[in-house]
């Protein structure tokens, strides 16, 4: 269960970072 929680946290962070990058790309276009 601890591994799943850690993985979930990593995926959540990556998702947030990816969303931020997409937002930046949209603004720069």
PDB file of N, CA and C in Angstrom:
ATOM      1  N   UNK A   1       0.836  -1.204   0.000  1.00  0.00           N
ATOM      2  CA  UNK A   1       0.000   0.000   0.000  1.00  0.00           C
ATOM      3  C   UNK A   1       0.873   1.257   0.000  1.00  0.00           C
ATOM      4  N   UNK A   2       1.995   1.211   0.712  1.00  0.00           N
ATOM      5  CA  UNK A   2       2.874   2.393   0.746  1.00  0.00           C
ATOM      6  C   UNK A   2       3.415   2.686  -0.646  1.00  0.00           C
ATOM      7  N   UNK A   3       3.760   1.634  -1.381  1.00  0.00           N
ATOM      8  CA  UNK A   3       4.286   1.827  -2.729  1.00  0.00           C
ATOM      9  C   UNK A   3       3.229   2.462  -3.629  1.00  0.00           C
ATOM     10  N   UNK A   4       1.988   2.017  -3.453  1.00  0.00           N
ATOM     11  CA  UNK A   4       0.909   2.564  -4.281  1.00  0.00           C
ATOM     12  C   UNK A   4       0.701   4.035  -3.982  1.00  0.00           C
ATOM     13  N   UNK A   5       0.793   4.387  -2.698  1.00  0.00           N
ATOM     14  CA  UNK A   5       0.609   5.791  -2.317  1.00  0.00           C
ATOM     15  C   UNK A   5       1.733   6.636  -2.890  1.00  0.00           C
ATOM     16  N   UNK A   6       2.957   6.101  -2.850  1.00  0.00           N
ATOM     17  CA  UNK A   6       4.110   6.832  -3.376  1.00  0.00           C
ATOM     18  C   UNK A   6       3.956   7.020  -4.879  1.00  0.00           C
ATOM     19  N   UNK A   7       3.544   5.951  -5.568  1.00  0.00           N
ATOM     20  CA  UNK A   7       3.366   6.022  -7.015  1.00  0.00           C
ATOM     21  C   UNK A   7       2.267   7.023  -7.358  1.00  0.00           C
ATOM     22  N   UNK A   8       1.195   7.000  -6.586  1.00  0.00           N
ATOM     23  CA  UNK A   8       0.084   7.928  -6.819  1.00  0.00           C
ATOM     24  C   UNK A   8       0.559   9.367  -6.670  1.00  0.00           C
ATOM     25  N   UNK A   9       1.416   9.598  -5.660  1.00  0.00           N
ATOM     26  CA  UNK A   9       1.934  10.948  -5.442  1.00  0.00           C
ATOM     27  C   UNK A   9       2.798  11.397  -6.603  1.00  0.00           C
ATOM     28  N   UNK A  10       3.637  10.471  -7.107  1.00  0.00           N
ATOM     29  CA  UNK A  10       4.520  10.799  -8.232  1.00  0.00           C
ATOM     30  C   UNK A  10       3.692  11.112  -9.477  1.00  0.00           C
ATOM     31  N   UNK A  11       2.699  10.271  -9.752  1.00  0.00           N
ATOM     32  CA  UNK A  11       1.852  10.488 -10.927  1.00  0.00           C
ATOM     33  C   UNK A  11       1.116  11.812 -10.814  1.00  0.00           C
ATOM     34  N   UNK A  12       0.661  12.125  -9.607  1.00  0.00           N
ATOM     35  CA  UNK A  12      -0.063  13.384  -9.388  1.00  0.00           C
ATOM     36  C   UNK A  12       0.850  14.561  -9.663  1.00  0.00           C
ATOM     37  N   UNK A  13       2.102  14.460  -9.181  1.00  0.00           N
ATOM     38  CA  UNK A  13       3.075  15.534  -9.394  1.00  0.00           C
ATOM     39  C   UNK A  13       3.386  15.687 -10.876  1.00  0.00           C
ATOM     40  N   UNK A  14       3.611  14.560 -11.547  1.00  0.00           N
ATOM     41  CA  UNK A  14       3.923  14.605 -12.980  1.00  0.00           C
ATOM     42  C   UNK A  14       2.750  15.198 -13.750  1.00  0.00           C
ATOM     43  N   UNK A  15       1.540  14.846 -13.349  1.00  0.00           N
ATOM     44  CA  UNK A  15       0.340  15.368 -14.019  1.00  0.00           C
ATOM     45  C   UNK A  15       0.277  16.885 -13.868  1.00  0.00           C
ATOM     46  N   UNK A  16       0.548  17.353 -12.642  1.00  0.00           N
ATOM     47  CA  UNK A  16       0.517  18.805 -12.384  1.00  0.00           C
ATOM     48  C   UNK A  16       1.586  19.507 -13.207  1.00  0.00           C
ATOM     49  N   UNK A  17       2.790  18.913 -13.257  1.00  0.00           N
ATOM     50  CA  UNK A  17       3.891  19.517 -14.014  1.00  0.00           C
ATOM     51  C   UNK A  17       3.549  19.534 -15.506  1.00  0.00           C
ATOM     52  N   UNK A  18       3.003  18.439 -15.997  1.00  0.00           N
ATOM     53  CA  UNK A  18       2.638  18.352 -17.410  1.00  0.00           C
ATOM     54  C   UNK A  18       1.579  19.389 -17.752  1.00  0.00           C
ATOM     55  N   UNK A  19       0.599  19.564 -16.869  1.00  0.00           N
ATOM     56  CA  UNK A  19      -0.465  20.540 -17.095  1.00  0.00           C
ATOM     57  C   UNK A  19       0.125  21.947 -17.135  1.00  0.00           C
ATOM     58  N   UNK A  20       1.077  22.206 -16.227  1.00  0.00           N
ATOM     59  CA  UNK A  20       1.715  23.528 -16.172  1.00  0.00           C
ATOM     60  C   UNK A  20       2.484  23.779 -17.465  1.00  0.00           C
ATOM     61  N   UNK A  21       3.202  22.755 -17.939  1.00  0.00           N
ATOM     62  CA  UNK A  21       3.976  22.905 -19.173  1.00  0.00           C
ATOM     63  C   UNK A  21       3.056  23.167 -20.349  1.00  0.00           C
ATOM     64  N   UNK A  22       1.918  22.469 -20.391  1.00  0.00           N
ATOM     65  CA  UNK A  22       0.969  22.676 -21.481  1.00  0.00           C
ATOM     66  C   UNK A  22       0.440  24.103 -21.447  1.00  0.00           C
ATOM     67  N   UNK A  23       0.178  24.605 -20.242  1.00  0.00           N
ATOM     68  CA  UNK A  23      -0.332  25.967 -20.098  1.00  0.00           C
ATOM     69  C   UNK A  23       0.703  26.967 -20.602  1.00  0.00           C
ATOM     70  N   UNK A  24       1.965  26.733 -20.273  1.00  0.00           N
ATOM     71  CA  UNK A  24       3.043  27.628 -20.712  1.00  0.00           C
ATOM     72  C   UNK A  24       3.148  27.591 -22.232  1.00  0.00           C
ATOM     73  N   UNK A  25       3.066  26.384 -22.806  1.00  0.00           N
ATOM     74  CA  UNK A  25       3.163  26.257 -24.262  1.00  0.00           C
ATOM     75  C   UNK A  25       2.024  27.025 -24.935  1.00  0.00           C
ATOM     76  N   UNK A  26       0.830  26.937 -24.367  1.00  0.00           N
ATOM     77  CA  UNK A  26      -0.320  27.631 -24.952  1.00  0.00           C
ATOM     78  C   UNK A  26      -0.131  29.142 -24.898  1.00  0.00           C
ATOM     79  N   UNK A  27       0.453  29.618 -23.792  1.00  0.00           N
ATOM     80  CA  UNK A  27       0.647  31.059 -23.635  1.00  0.00           C
ATOM     81  C   UNK A  27       1.725  31.564 -24.594  1.00  0.00           C
ATOM     82  N   UNK A  28       2.752  30.728 -24.826  1.00  0.00           N
ATOM     83  CA  UNK A  28       3.867  31.164 -25.674  1.00  0.00           C
ATOM     84  C   UNK A  28       3.515  31.094 -27.153  1.00  0.00           C
ATOM     85  N   UNK A  29       2.439  30.360 -27.475  1.00  0.00           N
ATOM     86  CA  UNK A  29       2.072  30.239 -28.904  1.00  0.00           C
ATOM     87  C   UNK A  29       1.365  31.514 -29.374  1.00  0.00           C
TER      88      UNK A  29
END
